[in-house]
Amino acid sequence: RYAPHQCPNPSTACQHRRTAATAKCNDGSMHTLFLMRHAQPASHAPGGDRERPLTDVGRRQAREVGTRLGLRNVGHALVSDALRTRQTWDCLQLDCPVEFMRALYYCGTDTVRQRIGEIDDDVDNLL
């Protein structure tokens, strides 16, 4: 069902090769799923794990990834409501609808698959 993303320049080390998958639908259209972990967070926060903010390095990481993802025409994003994931999203600076969901914080694959399945078929590239 899903195949690893094939980088246009296979001679270079491609970071998104391991984090993207494509699927061909019954109508012949292709959909790409980008899986991304939050950027580097602080090790501790007074409010607990959910409230850990990004470090300066993490903000820089997210901006760099955002530059690459901006070229991929992401059509929709599903993001945990943890502070570090919301801050990562802000740094990506992508121009697409986003859903911040408590259900994605520390969830299992069944929850992720369910949420992906709820996305409209006309979304070609999902983060």
N, C-alpha and C. Protein backbone atom coordinates (compact mmCIF):
# COMPACT_ATOMS: atom_id res chain seq x y z
N ARG A 1 0.81 -1.19 0.00
CA ARG A 1 0.00 0.00 0.00
C ARG A 1 0.85 1.26 0.00
N TYR A 2 1.83 1.32 0.86
CA TYR A 2 2.70 2.48 0.92
C TYR A 2 4.09 2.10 0.46
N ALA A 3 4.68 2.98 -0.30
CA ALA A 3 6.04 2.75 -0.79
C ALA A 3 6.91 3.90 -0.32
N PRO A 4 8.19 3.67 -0.06
CA PRO A 4 9.08 4.76 0.35
C PRO A 4 9.12 5.86 -0.70
N HIS A 5 9.20 7.08 -0.26
CA HIS A 5 9.32 8.23 -1.17
C HIS A 5 10.62 8.11 -1.96
N GLN A 6 10.56 8.36 -3.23
CA GLN A 6 11.75 8.33 -4.06
C GLN A 6 12.20 9.76 -4.32
N CYS A 7 13.35 10.10 -3.80
CA CYS A 7 13.90 11.45 -3.95
C CYS A 7 14.27 11.69 -5.40
N PRO A 8 13.99 12.91 -5.93
CA PRO A 8 14.36 13.21 -7.30
C PRO A 8 15.87 13.11 -7.55
N ASN A 9 16.67 13.25 -6.51
CA ASN A 9 18.12 13.17 -6.65
C ASN A 9 18.63 12.06 -5.74
N PRO A 10 18.54 10.79 -6.17
CA PRO A 10 18.89 9.67 -5.30
C PRO A 10 20.36 9.61 -4.92
N SER A 11 21.21 10.40 -5.57
CA SER A 11 22.63 10.36 -5.21
C SER A 11 22.92 11.12 -3.91
N THR A 12 21.95 11.89 -3.43
CA THR A 12 22.15 12.62 -2.18
C THR A 12 21.44 11.91 -1.05
N ALA A 13 21.89 12.16 0.16
CA ALA A 13 21.22 11.60 1.34
C ALA A 13 19.90 12.34 1.50
N CYS A 14 18.81 11.65 1.45
CA CYS A 14 17.49 12.29 1.47
C CYS A 14 16.84 12.02 2.82
N GLN A 15 16.69 13.05 3.64
CA GLN A 15 16.10 12.90 4.96
C GLN A 15 14.65 12.49 4.91
N HIS A 16 13.89 12.98 3.90
CA HIS A 16 12.47 12.65 3.90
C HIS A 16 12.17 11.29 3.31
N ARG A 17 13.17 10.59 2.82
CA ARG A 17 12.93 9.26 2.26
C ARG A 17 12.32 8.32 3.30
N ARG A 18 12.77 8.43 4.53
CA ARG A 18 12.28 7.52 5.57
C ARG A 18 11.01 8.03 6.24
N THR A 19 10.57 9.23 5.91
CA THR A 19 9.43 9.79 6.61
C THR A 19 8.27 10.11 5.69
N ALA A 20 8.30 9.65 4.46
CA ALA A 20 7.19 9.89 3.55
C ALA A 20 6.78 8.56 2.93
N ALA A 21 5.50 8.42 2.69
CA ALA A 21 4.98 7.23 2.04
C ALA A 21 3.94 7.68 1.03
N THR A 22 3.82 6.96 -0.07
CA THR A 22 2.82 7.28 -1.07
C THR A 22 1.85 6.12 -1.20
N ALA A 23 0.64 6.45 -1.58
CA ALA A 23 -0.38 5.43 -1.80
C ALA A 23 -1.14 5.78 -3.06
N LYS A 24 -1.44 4.78 -3.86
CA LYS A 24 -2.23 4.99 -5.07
C LYS A 24 -3.67 4.62 -4.75
N CYS A 25 -4.58 5.53 -5.02
CA CYS A 25 -5.99 5.29 -4.74
C CYS A 25 -6.67 4.61 -5.92
N ASN A 26 -7.89 4.16 -5.70
CA ASN A 26 -8.64 3.46 -6.74
C ASN A 26 -8.83 4.30 -7.99
N ASP A 27 -8.91 5.62 -7.84
CA ASP A 27 -9.10 6.49 -9.01
C ASP A 27 -7.78 6.81 -9.70
N GLY A 28 -6.68 6.23 -9.24
CA GLY A 28 -5.38 6.43 -9.88
C GLY A 28 -4.58 7.59 -9.32
N SER A 29 -5.18 8.39 -8.43
CA SER A 29 -4.45 9.53 -7.86
C SER A 29 -3.46 9.04 -6.80
N MET A 30 -2.42 9.82 -6.62
CA MET A 30 -1.38 9.48 -5.64
C MET A 30 -1.52 10.41 -4.43
N HIS A 31 -1.32 9.86 -3.25
CA HIS A 31 -1.35 10.61 -2.01
C HIS A 31 -0.04 10.37 -1.27
N THR A 32 0.48 11.42 -0.64
CA THR A 32 1.72 11.31 0.11
C THR A 32 1.46 11.66 1.57
N LEU A 33 1.98 10.84 2.45
CA LEU A 33 1.88 11.06 3.89
C LEU A 33 3.28 11.36 4.41
N PHE A 34 3.45 12.52 5.04
CA PHE A 34 4.72 12.89 5.66
C PHE A 34 4.57 12.70 7.17
N LEU A 35 5.42 11.91 7.77
CA LEU A 35 5.43 11.73 9.21
C LEU A 35 6.58 12.55 9.77
N MET A 36 6.28 13.35 10.75
CA MET A 36 7.30 14.23 11.31
C MET A 36 7.18 14.26 12.83
N ARG A 37 8.30 14.15 13.47
CA ARG A 37 8.36 14.33 14.91
C ARG A 37 8.64 15.80 15.18
N HIS A 38 8.26 16.28 16.33
CA HIS A 38 8.54 17.66 16.71
C HIS A 38 10.03 17.93 16.68
N ALA A 39 10.39 19.20 16.61
CA ALA A 39 11.81 19.59 16.66
C ALA A 39 12.31 19.46 18.10
N GLN A 40 13.59 19.78 18.31
CA GLN A 40 14.23 19.57 19.63
C GLN A 40 13.55 20.40 20.73
N PRO A 41 13.01 19.73 21.77
CA PRO A 41 12.40 20.45 22.88
C PRO A 41 13.36 20.60 24.06
N ALA A 42 12.97 21.46 24.99
CA ALA A 42 13.69 21.56 26.26
C ALA A 42 13.54 20.23 27.00
N SER A 43 14.49 19.91 27.85
CA SER A 43 14.44 18.63 28.55
C SER A 43 13.40 18.59 29.67
N HIS A 44 13.07 19.75 30.23
CA HIS A 44 12.09 19.80 31.32
C HIS A 44 11.24 21.06 31.18
N ALA A 45 10.06 21.01 31.77
CA ALA A 45 9.19 22.19 31.83
C ALA A 45 8.38 22.10 33.12
N PRO A 46 8.13 23.24 33.77
CA PRO A 46 7.35 23.23 35.01
C PRO A 46 5.97 22.60 34.85
N GLY A 47 5.36 22.74 33.67
CA GLY A 47 4.02 22.20 33.44
C GLY A 47 3.99 20.74 33.05
N GLY A 48 5.15 20.07 33.02
CA GLY A 48 5.21 18.66 32.64
C GLY A 48 5.54 18.47 31.17
N ASP A 49 5.52 17.23 30.76
CA ASP A 49 5.96 16.86 29.41
C ASP A 49 5.19 17.60 28.31
N ARG A 50 3.89 17.69 28.44
CA ARG A 50 3.06 18.34 27.41
C ARG A 50 3.44 19.80 27.20
N GLU A 51 4.04 20.43 28.19
CA GLU A 51 4.36 21.87 28.12
C GLU A 51 5.82 22.17 27.81
N ARG A 52 6.59 21.17 27.38
CA ARG A 52 8.00 21.42 27.04
C ARG A 52 8.08 22.25 25.76
N PRO A 53 8.75 23.40 25.80
CA PRO A 53 8.87 24.25 24.61
C PRO A 53 10.06 23.80 23.74
N LEU A 54 10.11 24.35 22.53
CA LEU A 54 11.27 24.11 21.68
C LEU A 54 12.46 24.91 22.17
N THR A 55 13.64 24.39 21.90
CA THR A 55 14.88 25.14 22.14
C THR A 55 15.13 26.01 20.92
N ASP A 56 16.14 26.87 20.99
CA ASP A 56 16.52 27.67 19.82
C ASP A 56 16.94 26.75 18.67
N VAL A 57 17.65 25.69 19.00
CA VAL A 57 18.05 24.71 17.98
C VAL A 57 16.80 24.09 17.35
N GLY A 58 15.83 23.75 18.16
CA GLY A 58 14.58 23.17 17.65
C GLY A 58 13.84 24.10 16.71
N ARG A 59 13.81 25.38 17.04
CA ARG A 59 13.16 26.35 16.15
C ARG A 59 13.88 26.42 14.80
N ARG A 60 15.20 26.39 14.85
CA ARG A 60 15.98 26.41 13.61
C ARG A 60 15.73 25.13 12.80
N GLN A 61 15.70 23.98 13.48
CA GLN A 61 15.41 22.72 12.81
C GLN A 61 14.07 22.78 12.08
N ALA A 62 13.06 23.26 12.78
CA ALA A 62 11.72 23.31 12.20
C ALA A 62 11.66 24.25 11.01
N ARG A 63 12.32 25.38 11.08
CA ARG A 63 12.34 26.30 9.93
C ARG A 63 12.99 25.65 8.71
N GLU A 64 14.08 24.91 8.94
CA GLU A 64 14.77 24.22 7.84
C GLU A 64 13.86 23.16 7.20
N VAL A 65 13.18 22.40 8.02
CA VAL A 65 12.26 21.38 7.49
C VAL A 65 11.10 22.07 6.77
N GLY A 66 10.62 23.16 7.32
CA GLY A 66 9.53 23.90 6.68
C GLY A 66 9.88 24.37 5.29
N THR A 67 11.13 24.77 5.10
CA THR A 67 11.57 25.18 3.77
C THR A 67 11.43 24.03 2.78
N ARG A 68 11.82 22.84 3.20
CA ARG A 68 11.71 21.67 2.32
C ARG A 68 10.26 21.25 2.10
N LEU A 69 9.49 21.22 3.18
CA LEU A 69 8.09 20.82 3.06
C LEU A 69 7.28 21.83 2.25
N GLY A 70 7.68 23.09 2.30
CA GLY A 70 6.99 24.11 1.52
C GLY A 70 7.01 23.82 0.03
N LEU A 71 7.98 23.08 -0.42
CA LEU A 71 8.09 22.71 -1.83
C LEU A 71 7.21 21.52 -2.18
N ARG A 72 6.64 20.87 -1.17
CA ARG A 72 5.89 19.63 -1.37
C ARG A 72 4.37 19.84 -1.39
N ASN A 73 3.91 21.08 -1.29
CA ASN A 73 2.48 21.38 -1.37
C ASN A 73 1.65 20.58 -0.37
N VAL A 74 2.03 20.65 0.89
CA VAL A 74 1.26 19.98 1.94
C VAL A 74 -0.13 20.60 1.96
N GLY A 75 -1.15 19.75 1.90
CA GLY A 75 -2.52 20.23 1.82
C GLY A 75 -3.27 20.25 3.14
N HIS A 76 -2.74 19.56 4.14
CA HIS A 76 -3.41 19.48 5.44
C HIS A 76 -2.40 18.92 6.45
N ALA A 77 -2.54 19.34 7.70
CA ALA A 77 -1.64 18.85 8.75
C ALA A 77 -2.44 18.42 9.97
N LEU A 78 -2.05 17.30 10.55
CA LEU A 78 -2.59 16.81 11.81
C LEU A 78 -1.47 16.93 12.83
N VAL A 79 -1.71 17.69 13.91
CA VAL A 79 -0.64 18.02 14.86
C VAL A 79 -1.14 17.79 16.28
N SER A 80 -0.32 17.19 17.09
CA SER A 80 -0.63 17.03 18.51
C SER A 80 -0.78 18.41 19.14
N ASP A 81 -1.51 18.47 20.24
CA ASP A 81 -1.68 19.76 20.91
C ASP A 81 -0.59 20.07 21.93
N ALA A 82 0.45 19.24 22.02
CA ALA A 82 1.56 19.52 22.93
C ALA A 82 2.25 20.82 22.49
N LEU A 83 2.77 21.57 23.43
CA LEU A 83 3.39 22.85 23.13
C LEU A 83 4.49 22.73 22.09
N ARG A 84 5.37 21.74 22.23
CA ARG A 84 6.50 21.62 21.29
C ARG A 84 6.04 21.31 19.87
N THR A 85 4.93 20.57 19.71
CA THR A 85 4.45 20.29 18.36
C THR A 85 3.75 21.51 17.77
N ARG A 86 3.04 22.27 18.58
CA ARG A 86 2.43 23.51 18.10
C ARG A 86 3.49 24.52 17.70
N GLN A 87 4.56 24.60 18.49
CA GLN A 87 5.65 25.52 18.15
C GLN A 87 6.39 25.05 16.89
N THR A 88 6.56 23.74 16.75
CA THR A 88 7.17 23.21 15.53
C THR A 88 6.32 23.61 14.33
N TRP A 89 5.02 23.44 14.44
CA TRP A 89 4.11 23.81 13.35
C TRP A 89 4.27 25.30 13.00
N ASP A 90 4.30 26.14 14.00
CA ASP A 90 4.45 27.58 13.74
C ASP A 90 5.73 27.89 12.98
N CYS A 91 6.81 27.22 13.34
CA CYS A 91 8.10 27.46 12.68
C CYS A 91 8.14 26.92 11.26
N LEU A 92 7.33 25.91 10.96
CA LEU A 92 7.30 25.37 9.60
C LEU A 92 6.81 26.40 8.59
N GLN A 93 5.92 27.26 9.03
CA GLN A 93 5.34 28.32 8.20
C GLN A 93 4.72 27.77 6.91
N LEU A 94 3.96 26.69 7.04
CA LEU A 94 3.26 26.12 5.89
C LEU A 94 1.89 26.77 5.77
N ASP A 95 1.46 26.93 4.54
CA ASP A 95 0.18 27.57 4.27
C ASP A 95 -0.86 26.51 3.92
N CYS A 96 -1.40 25.86 4.97
CA CYS A 96 -2.43 24.85 4.76
C CYS A 96 -3.24 24.72 6.05
N PRO A 97 -4.42 24.13 5.95
CA PRO A 97 -5.21 23.90 7.16
C PRO A 97 -4.48 22.97 8.12
N VAL A 98 -4.67 23.22 9.41
CA VAL A 98 -4.05 22.39 10.45
C VAL A 98 -5.09 22.07 11.51
N GLU A 99 -5.02 20.85 12.04
CA GLU A 99 -5.86 20.44 13.16
C GLU A 99 -4.93 20.09 14.32
N PHE A 100 -5.10 20.80 15.45
CA PHE A 100 -4.35 20.48 16.67
C PHE A 100 -5.22 19.54 17.48
N MET A 101 -4.72 18.34 17.76
CA MET A 101 -5.53 17.31 18.39
C MET A 101 -4.90 16.73 19.63
N ARG A 102 -5.62 16.78 20.71
CA ARG A 102 -5.17 16.14 21.94
C ARG A 102 -5.00 14.63 21.75
N ALA A 103 -5.84 14.05 20.91
CA ALA A 103 -5.81 12.59 20.69
C ALA A 103 -4.48 12.12 20.11
N LEU A 104 -3.72 12.99 19.47
CA LEU A 104 -2.45 12.58 18.87
C LEU A 104 -1.29 12.60 19.86
N TYR A 105 -1.50 13.19 21.02
CA TYR A 105 -0.43 13.23 22.03
C TYR A 105 -0.26 11.85 22.63
N TYR A 106 0.90 11.26 22.44
CA TYR A 106 1.25 9.96 23.01
C TYR A 106 0.24 8.87 22.64
N CYS A 107 -0.18 8.86 21.37
CA CYS A 107 -1.18 7.88 20.94
C CYS A 107 -0.50 6.72 20.21
N GLY A 108 -1.29 5.72 19.91
CA GLY A 108 -0.79 4.56 19.19
C GLY A 108 -1.11 4.65 17.70
N THR A 109 -0.67 3.66 16.97
CA THR A 109 -0.86 3.66 15.52
C THR A 109 -2.32 3.58 15.11
N ASP A 110 -3.15 2.92 15.89
CA ASP A 110 -4.57 2.84 15.54
C ASP A 110 -5.21 4.22 15.50
N THR A 111 -4.88 5.07 16.46
CA THR A 111 -5.42 6.43 16.49
C THR A 111 -4.93 7.23 15.30
N VAL A 112 -3.65 7.11 15.00
CA VAL A 112 -3.08 7.85 13.86
C VAL A 112 -3.76 7.39 12.57
N ARG A 113 -3.89 6.09 12.39
CA ARG A 113 -4.54 5.57 11.18
C ARG A 113 -5.99 6.04 11.08
N GLN A 114 -6.68 6.08 12.19
CA GLN A 114 -8.07 6.53 12.17
C GLN A 114 -8.13 7.98 11.71
N ARG A 115 -7.29 8.83 12.29
CA ARG A 115 -7.30 10.25 11.93
C ARG A 115 -6.93 10.46 10.46
N ILE A 116 -5.96 9.71 9.97
CA ILE A 116 -5.58 9.82 8.55
C ILE A 116 -6.76 9.43 7.67
N GLY A 117 -7.47 8.39 8.07
CA GLY A 117 -8.62 7.92 7.30
C GLY A 117 -9.77 8.91 7.25
N GLU A 118 -9.79 9.87 8.16
CA GLU A 118 -10.86 10.87 8.19
C GLU A 118 -10.57 12.08 7.30
N ILE A 119 -9.40 12.13 6.69
CA ILE A 119 -9.03 13.26 5.84
C ILE A 119 -9.67 13.10 4.46
N ASP A 120 -10.16 14.21 3.89
CA ASP A 120 -10.76 14.19 2.57
C ASP A 120 -9.82 13.62 1.52
N ASP A 121 -10.39 12.89 0.58
CA ASP A 121 -9.59 12.27 -0.48
C ASP A 121 -8.91 13.29 -1.38
N ASP A 122 -9.42 14.53 -1.40
CA ASP A 122 -8.80 15.52 -2.28
C ASP A 122 -7.52 16.14 -1.69
N VAL A 123 -7.14 15.73 -0.48
CA VAL A 123 -5.87 16.16 0.10
C VAL A 123 -4.79 15.20 -0.42
N ASP A 124 -3.90 15.72 -1.27
CA ASP A 124 -2.87 14.88 -1.86
C ASP A 124 -1.67 14.67 -0.97
N ASN A 125 -1.31 15.69 -0.17
CA ASN A 125 -0.12 15.62 0.67
C ASN A 125 -0.50 15.97 2.10
N LEU A 126 -0.37 15.00 2.99
CA LEU A 126 -0.78 15.15 4.39
C LEU A 126 0.45 15.07 5.30
N LEU A 127 0.52 16.01 6.24
CA LEU A 127 1.58 16.00 7.25
C LEU A 127 0.95 15.56 8.55
